[in-house]
Protein backbone atom coordinates (compact mmCIF):
# COMPACT_ATOMS: atom_id res chain seq x y z
CA MET A 1 16.86 -26.57 -20.29
CA SER A 2 16.71 -28.95 -17.39
CA ASP A 3 20.39 -29.20 -17.01
CA LYS A 4 20.40 -25.37 -15.67
CA LYS A 5 21.16 -25.00 -12.20
CA ASN A 6 19.39 -22.41 -9.74
CA LYS A 7 22.42 -21.02 -8.54
CA ARG A 8 23.28 -17.75 -10.11
CA PRO A 9 26.61 -16.50 -8.80
CA PHE A 10 27.23 -13.65 -11.30
CA LYS A 11 23.65 -12.36 -11.15
CA GLY A 12 23.44 -8.43 -10.75
CA SER A 13 22.62 -6.87 -7.57
CA SER A 14 19.19 -5.67 -6.49
CA ILE A 15 19.44 -2.11 -5.52
CA ILE A 16 16.95 0.93 -4.48
CA ASP A 17 18.15 3.89 -6.74
CA PHE A 18 16.74 6.48 -8.93
CA PRO A 19 19.07 6.70 -12.09
CA LYS A 20 18.55 9.24 -14.83
CA LYS A 21 19.51 6.67 -17.37
CA TYR A 22 18.06 3.01 -17.45
CA VAL A 23 16.21 0.11 -19.15
CA VAL A 24 12.90 -1.09 -18.45
CA LEU A 25 12.52 -4.78 -19.23
CA ASP A 26 9.50 -7.22 -19.36
CA LEU A 27 9.21 -10.65 -20.41
CA GLU A 28 6.25 -12.93 -21.29
CA THR A 29 6.87 -16.75 -20.85
CA THR A 30 5.17 -20.06 -21.08
CA GLY A 31 5.34 -20.32 -17.21
CA LEU A 32 6.97 -19.36 -13.90
CA SER A 33 9.84 -21.83 -13.84
CA PRO A 34 13.18 -20.55 -15.74
CA GLU A 35 14.32 -24.17 -15.61
CA TRP A 36 11.20 -25.62 -17.35
CA ASP A 37 9.45 -22.72 -19.12
CA SER A 38 10.45 -20.43 -22.03
CA ILE A 39 10.28 -16.94 -23.12
CA ILE A 40 7.81 -15.99 -25.84
CA GLU A 41 8.25 -12.21 -25.82
CA ILE A 42 10.99 -9.59 -24.61
CA GLY A 43 10.30 -5.96 -24.50
CA ALA A 44 12.36 -3.13 -23.03
CA ILE A 45 12.49 0.82 -23.37
CA LYS A 46 15.59 2.94 -22.90
CA VAL A 47 14.81 5.96 -20.73
CA GLU A 48 17.08 9.12 -20.18
CA ASP A 49 16.10 12.14 -17.99
CA ASN A 50 12.41 10.61 -18.02
CA ILE A 51 12.30 10.40 -21.78
CA ILE A 52 11.98 7.35 -23.74
CA THR A 53 14.91 7.47 -26.21
CA ASP A 54 14.60 3.85 -27.87
CA THR A 55 12.20 0.56 -27.59
CA PHE A 56 12.81 -3.00 -28.39
CA GLN A 57 10.01 -5.65 -28.80
CA GLN A 58 10.35 -9.22 -29.99
CA LEU A 59 8.18 -12.27 -30.00
CA ILE A 60 9.95 -15.64 -29.77
CA ASN A 61 9.12 -19.03 -30.95
CA PRO A 62 9.59 -21.54 -28.11
CA GLY A 63 9.77 -24.51 -30.25
CA PHE A 64 6.49 -25.88 -29.04
CA GLU A 65 2.68 -25.07 -28.81
CA ILE A 66 1.98 -22.85 -26.00
CA SER A 67 -0.96 -23.33 -23.67
CA ASP A 68 -4.59 -22.10 -24.06
CA PHE A 69 -4.15 -20.30 -20.82
CA ILE A 70 -1.02 -18.67 -21.66
CA GLN A 71 -2.64 -17.57 -25.11
CA ASN A 72 -5.62 -16.18 -23.25
CA PHE A 73 -3.45 -14.48 -20.53
CA THR A 74 -1.19 -12.76 -22.80
CA GLY A 75 -3.04 -12.54 -26.04
CA ILE A 76 -0.12 -14.04 -27.88
CA THR A 77 -1.20 -16.96 -29.91
CA ASN A 78 0.76 -20.02 -31.53
CA GLU A 79 0.12 -18.37 -34.85
CA MET A 80 1.85 -15.32 -33.87
CA LEU A 81 4.90 -17.23 -32.81
CA ILE A 82 5.36 -19.77 -35.50
CA SER A 83 7.66 -17.72 -37.86
CA GLN A 84 9.30 -15.87 -35.17
CA PRO A 85 13.00 -16.33 -34.21
CA SER A 86 14.20 -18.57 -31.34
CA VAL A 87 15.59 -17.10 -28.08
CA SER A 88 19.03 -18.01 -29.03
CA GLU A 89 18.74 -15.66 -32.04
CA VAL A 90 17.32 -12.77 -30.00
CA LEU A 91 19.46 -12.64 -26.92
CA PRO A 92 22.36 -11.07 -28.72
CA ASP A 93 19.95 -8.17 -29.57
CA VAL A 94 18.80 -8.09 -25.93
CA GLU A 95 22.42 -7.79 -24.77
CA SER A 96 23.25 -4.84 -27.24
CA PHE A 97 20.08 -2.98 -26.39
CA ALA A 98 20.63 -3.40 -22.49
CA GLU A 99 24.21 -2.79 -22.60
CA ASN A 100 25.51 -1.92 -18.81
CA SER A 101 22.33 -0.14 -18.07
CA ILE A 102 20.64 -0.69 -14.68
CA ILE A 103 17.36 -2.71 -15.46
CA ILE A 104 14.00 -1.75 -14.17
CA GLY A 105 11.08 -3.92 -13.90
CA HIS A 106 8.28 -4.98 -11.75
CA ASN A 107 8.72 -8.06 -9.83
CA VAL A 108 12.02 -7.85 -12.00
CA ASN A 109 13.54 -11.02 -10.30
CA PHE A 110 11.31 -12.93 -12.37
CA ASP A 111 12.54 -11.51 -15.60
CA ILE A 112 16.16 -11.35 -14.46
CA ASN A 113 16.38 -15.00 -13.60
CA PHE A 114 14.79 -15.99 -16.81
CA LEU A 115 17.33 -13.89 -18.80
CA TYR A 116 20.31 -14.88 -16.61
CA ASP A 117 19.50 -18.90 -17.32
CA ASN A 118 19.01 -18.37 -20.99
CA PHE A 119 22.26 -16.16 -21.47
CA VAL A 120 24.13 -18.96 -19.54
CA TYR A 121 22.43 -21.64 -21.54
CA TYR A 122 22.62 -20.32 -24.80
CA MET A 123 25.39 -17.64 -24.86
CA GLY A 124 27.78 -19.15 -22.32
CA LYS A 125 27.76 -16.08 -20.01
CA PRO A 126 25.63 -14.76 -17.38
CA PHE A 127 23.34 -11.55 -17.34
CA THR A 128 25.03 -9.51 -14.90
CA ASN A 129 23.13 -6.15 -15.06
CA GLY A 130 22.00 -4.66 -11.74
CA PHE A 131 18.23 -4.29 -11.38
CA ILE A 132 15.58 -2.03 -9.55
CA ASP A 133 12.24 -3.54 -8.52
CA THR A 134 9.27 -1.28 -8.86
CA MET A 135 7.42 -3.61 -6.62
CA ARG A 136 9.74 -3.27 -3.76
CA ILE A 137 9.22 0.61 -3.89
CA SER A 138 5.58 0.37 -4.55
CA LYS A 139 5.16 -1.49 -1.06
CA LYS A 140 6.84 1.55 0.70
CA VAL A 141 5.29 4.34 -1.28
CA LEU A 142 1.81 2.92 -1.65
CA PRO A 143 1.33 0.76 1.83
CA GLY A 144 -1.84 -1.05 2.55
CA LEU A 145 -2.91 -2.29 -0.82
CA ASP A 146 -4.41 -5.66 -1.07
CA HIS A 147 -2.26 -6.87 -4.07
CA TYR A 148 1.08 -5.03 -5.56
CA ARG A 149 0.75 -6.57 -9.12
CA LEU A 150 1.51 -3.97 -11.79
CA ILE A 151 -2.16 -3.64 -12.70
CA ASP A 152 -2.72 -2.68 -9.18
CA ILE A 153 -0.03 0.01 -8.93
CA VAL A 154 -1.09 1.59 -12.31
CA TYR A 155 -4.79 1.94 -11.24
CA GLU A 156 -3.61 3.27 -7.71
CA LEU A 157 -1.61 5.88 -9.34
CA GLY A 158 -4.16 6.92 -11.82
CA ILE A 159 -2.25 6.00 -14.91
CA GLU A 160 -4.48 5.23 -17.74
CA GLY A 161 -4.12 1.97 -19.59
CA SER A 162 -6.07 -1.21 -20.80
CA GLU A 163 -3.53 -3.68 -22.31
CA PHE A 164 -1.54 -5.64 -19.88
CA HIS A 165 0.60 -8.92 -20.06
CA ARG A 166 2.36 -7.94 -23.35
CA SER A 167 5.95 -6.90 -22.96
CA LEU A 168 6.18 -3.39 -24.37
CA SER A 169 3.17 -2.08 -23.00
CA ASP A 170 4.02 -3.73 -19.45
CA CYS A 171 7.35 -1.64 -19.74
CA GLU A 172 5.59 1.51 -20.46
CA TYR A 173 3.48 0.96 -17.50
CA THR A 174 6.35 0.39 -15.36
CA TYR A 175 8.17 3.20 -16.58
CA LYS A 176 5.34 5.67 -15.87
CA CYS A 177 4.83 4.03 -12.28
CA TYR A 178 8.43 4.34 -11.61
CA GLU A 179 8.61 8.17 -12.43
CA THR A 180 5.17 8.69 -10.89
CA MET A 181 6.55 7.00 -7.58
CA LYS A 182 9.73 9.05 -7.82
CA ALA A 183 7.98 12.24 -7.72
CA LEU A 184 5.77 11.20 -4.85
CA ILE A 185 8.83 10.26 -2.93
CA GLU A 186 10.17 13.79 -3.38
CA VAL A 187 6.92 15.14 -1.92
CA ASP A 188 6.34 12.50 0.91
CA PHE A 189 9.65 11.08 1.77
CA GLY A 190 11.83 14.32 1.39
CA GLY A 191 13.68 13.14 -1.65
CA THR A 192 15.21 10.01 -3.17
CA GLU A 193 18.12 10.03 -0.88
CA GLN A 194 16.10 10.13 2.37
CA PHE A 195 13.84 7.29 0.82
CA LYS A 196 16.84 5.21 0.05
CA LYS A 197 18.03 5.70 3.71
CA GLN A 198 14.62 4.85 5.03
CA PHE A 199 14.37 1.93 2.89
CA ARG A 200 17.60 0.50 4.11
CA ASN A 201 16.99 0.91 7.89
CA ASN A 202 13.53 -0.54 7.55
CA TYR A 203 14.83 -3.44 5.51
CA TYR A 204 17.00 -4.64 8.51
CA GLU A 205 14.48 -4.19 11.31
CA LYS A 206 13.90 -7.49 12.97
CA LEU A 207 10.69 -9.19 12.62
CA ASP A 208 9.61 -11.45 15.30
CA LEU A 209 7.56 -14.17 13.36
CA THR A 210 6.86 -16.12 16.35
CA SER A 211 4.24 -13.44 17.34
CA LEU A 212 2.03 -13.78 14.41
CA ARG A 213 -1.59 -15.17 14.93
CA PRO A 214 -3.79 -17.24 12.31
CA ASN A 215 -6.61 -15.12 10.83
CA THR A 216 -8.63 -18.44 11.15
CA GLU A 217 -9.54 -21.42 13.21
CA ASN A 218 -10.52 -23.71 10.30
CA PHE A 219 -7.46 -25.74 9.66
CA ASP A 220 -7.04 -28.75 7.54
CA PRO A 221 -4.92 -31.21 9.46
CA SER A 222 -3.86 -33.04 6.27
CA HIS A 223 -2.09 -29.69 4.80
CA PRO A 224 1.83 -30.23 4.59
CA LEU A 225 2.25 -27.13 6.61
CA PHE A 226 -0.05 -27.88 9.46
CA ASN A 227 1.63 -28.10 13.08
CA LYS A 228 4.90 -27.56 11.11
CA VAL A 229 7.47 -24.88 12.26
CA CYS A 230 8.89 -23.03 9.36
CA VAL A 231 11.79 -20.53 9.11
CA PHE A 232 12.86 -18.24 6.16
CA THR A 233 16.20 -17.41 4.81
CA GLY A 234 17.02 -14.77 2.10
CA THR A 235 14.36 -12.47 0.39
CA LEU A 236 11.32 -13.87 -1.07
CA GLU A 237 10.39 -12.94 -4.86
CA LYS A 238 6.55 -12.94 -4.35
CA PHE A 239 5.72 -12.12 -0.72
CA SER A 240 7.47 -10.10 2.00
CA ARG A 241 8.74 -12.39 4.80
CA GLN A 242 5.90 -11.26 7.07
CA GLN A 243 3.28 -11.95 4.46
CA ALA A 244 4.69 -15.56 3.82
CA ALA A 245 5.14 -16.23 7.46
CA GLN A 246 1.27 -15.19 8.08
CA ILE A 247 0.37 -17.58 5.24
CA VAL A 248 2.02 -20.32 7.17
CA VAL A 249 0.29 -19.61 10.43
CA ASP A 250 -3.07 -19.53 8.42
CA PHE A 251 -2.41 -23.12 7.47
CA GLY A 252 -2.18 -23.97 11.36
CA GLY A 253 1.78 -23.97 11.28
CA ASN A 254 4.26 -21.75 13.21
CA CYS A 255 7.09 -19.68 12.26
CA GLY A 256 10.57 -19.18 13.88
CA ASN A 257 12.97 -16.51 13.68
CA SER A 258 15.90 -18.84 13.73
CA VAL A 259 16.64 -22.39 12.85
CA THR A 260 16.25 -24.85 15.82
CA LYS A 261 15.76 -28.55 16.51
CA LYS A 262 11.91 -27.89 16.36
CA THR A 263 12.20 -26.22 12.78
CA ASN A 264 10.56 -28.38 10.18
CA PHE A 265 11.04 -26.34 6.92
CA LEU A 266 13.70 -23.90 6.05
CA ILE A 267 12.51 -21.87 3.04
CA LEU A 268 15.38 -20.53 0.92
CA GLY A 269 14.48 -17.03 -0.52
CA ASN A 270 16.94 -15.05 -2.79
CA ASN A 271 20.16 -14.66 -0.95
CA GLU A 272 21.14 -11.35 -3.04
CA TYR A 273 19.97 -9.14 -0.12
CA CYS A 274 21.32 -11.08 2.83
CA SER A 275 24.31 -9.40 4.46
CA ARG A 276 25.27 -12.67 6.20
CA ILE A 277 26.00 -14.90 3.17
CA LYS A 278 29.19 -16.72 3.35
CA ASP A 279 30.34 -19.27 0.73
CA GLY A 280 26.69 -19.08 -1.08
CA LYS A 281 24.80 -20.14 1.98
CA SER A 282 23.35 -18.21 5.07
CA THR A 283 24.08 -19.20 8.58
CA LYS A 284 20.45 -20.56 8.76
CA GLN A 285 20.90 -22.84 5.85
CA LYS A 286 24.28 -24.22 7.25
CA LYS A 287 22.68 -24.88 10.61
CA ALA A 288 19.78 -26.61 8.88
CA GLU A 289 22.00 -28.94 6.98
CA GLU A 290 23.74 -29.87 10.18
CA TYR A 291 20.65 -30.82 12.07
CA LYS A 292 19.51 -32.73 8.86
CA LEU A 293 22.73 -34.74 8.84
CA LYS A 294 22.05 -35.56 12.70
CA GLY A 295 18.76 -37.08 11.45
CA GLN A 296 16.46 -34.32 12.46
CA ASP A 297 13.10 -33.91 10.82
CA ILE A 298 13.95 -30.82 8.81
CA GLU A 299 13.71 -30.05 5.30
CA ILE A 300 15.34 -27.34 2.99
CA ILE A 301 13.18 -26.16 0.30
CA PRO A 302 13.53 -23.58 -2.37
CA GLU A 303 10.89 -20.84 -2.57
CA ASN A 304 9.18 -22.11 -5.58
CA VAL A 305 8.35 -25.44 -3.66
CA PHE A 306 7.00 -23.30 -0.87
CA TYR A 307 4.57 -22.04 -3.23
CA ASP A 308 3.56 -25.33 -4.49
CA MET A 309 2.95 -26.39 -0.83
CA ILE A 310 0.72 -23.44 0.12
CA ASN A 311 -1.20 -24.18 -3.21
CA GLU A 312 -1.99 -27.67 -2.32
CA GLN A 313 -5.70 -28.43 -1.60
């Protein structure tokens, strides 16, 4: 699917809400990139008034052998996939199951992006359902955790479970986490409406990224972020902006709140949540493009490239 583009103009909106009817969704894939990797399993459950009313699960043959790592990680083997349908055969069933429901998932942007690109590529239309990310909710309901993976939230909430990284079981965990956190919100936040109000207010608080200080004094001068100034725009899918900025300063870099002549990298997050988006580009991106055309030492990179950089040794 190398001809697919990253831009998703008709992608559904990310929301913080607590609907009575929704569909929980989870995918297993051969990797992290919707452009280069493939879906190997789709699971979904329908929920109404906190009751599971229907389930969907389908293994998918990607058309090639999956790696040993993915087999060990998911428990899905090449033998299990060889007789399964292709993703193009399965997508109409997914569309029929999801209908116009709100989609709920943990780090659900990952799943939505895969579905969106595959819908466009194979069905000639986008996947436009709005979605709720339980990871975003969990960071506010359960502050201070070291990690916010699904397994971390399951254990923190005392939910019993043993099988992870299979689509239907992960859907069931996500559903239980969502409903459990909703009950906690009623007690700890004065109800879901108050929680949504606080979430919106906190989201738009200004972060002064220039005030961050490194947690180490041992820097690698050869690292691509060392001595570089980074600025973020949009919402990141793997970290909060503050967490990502802390990673930069821990590599010996610096972070800015706005694009200036000193900026070396502008990292593009998901623009879905940015209130200042016009013509598909934030004001930071437009300014960075102006500086680059004038010969400034500034690069505009997508989020996945930033993650590649921080993983360089």
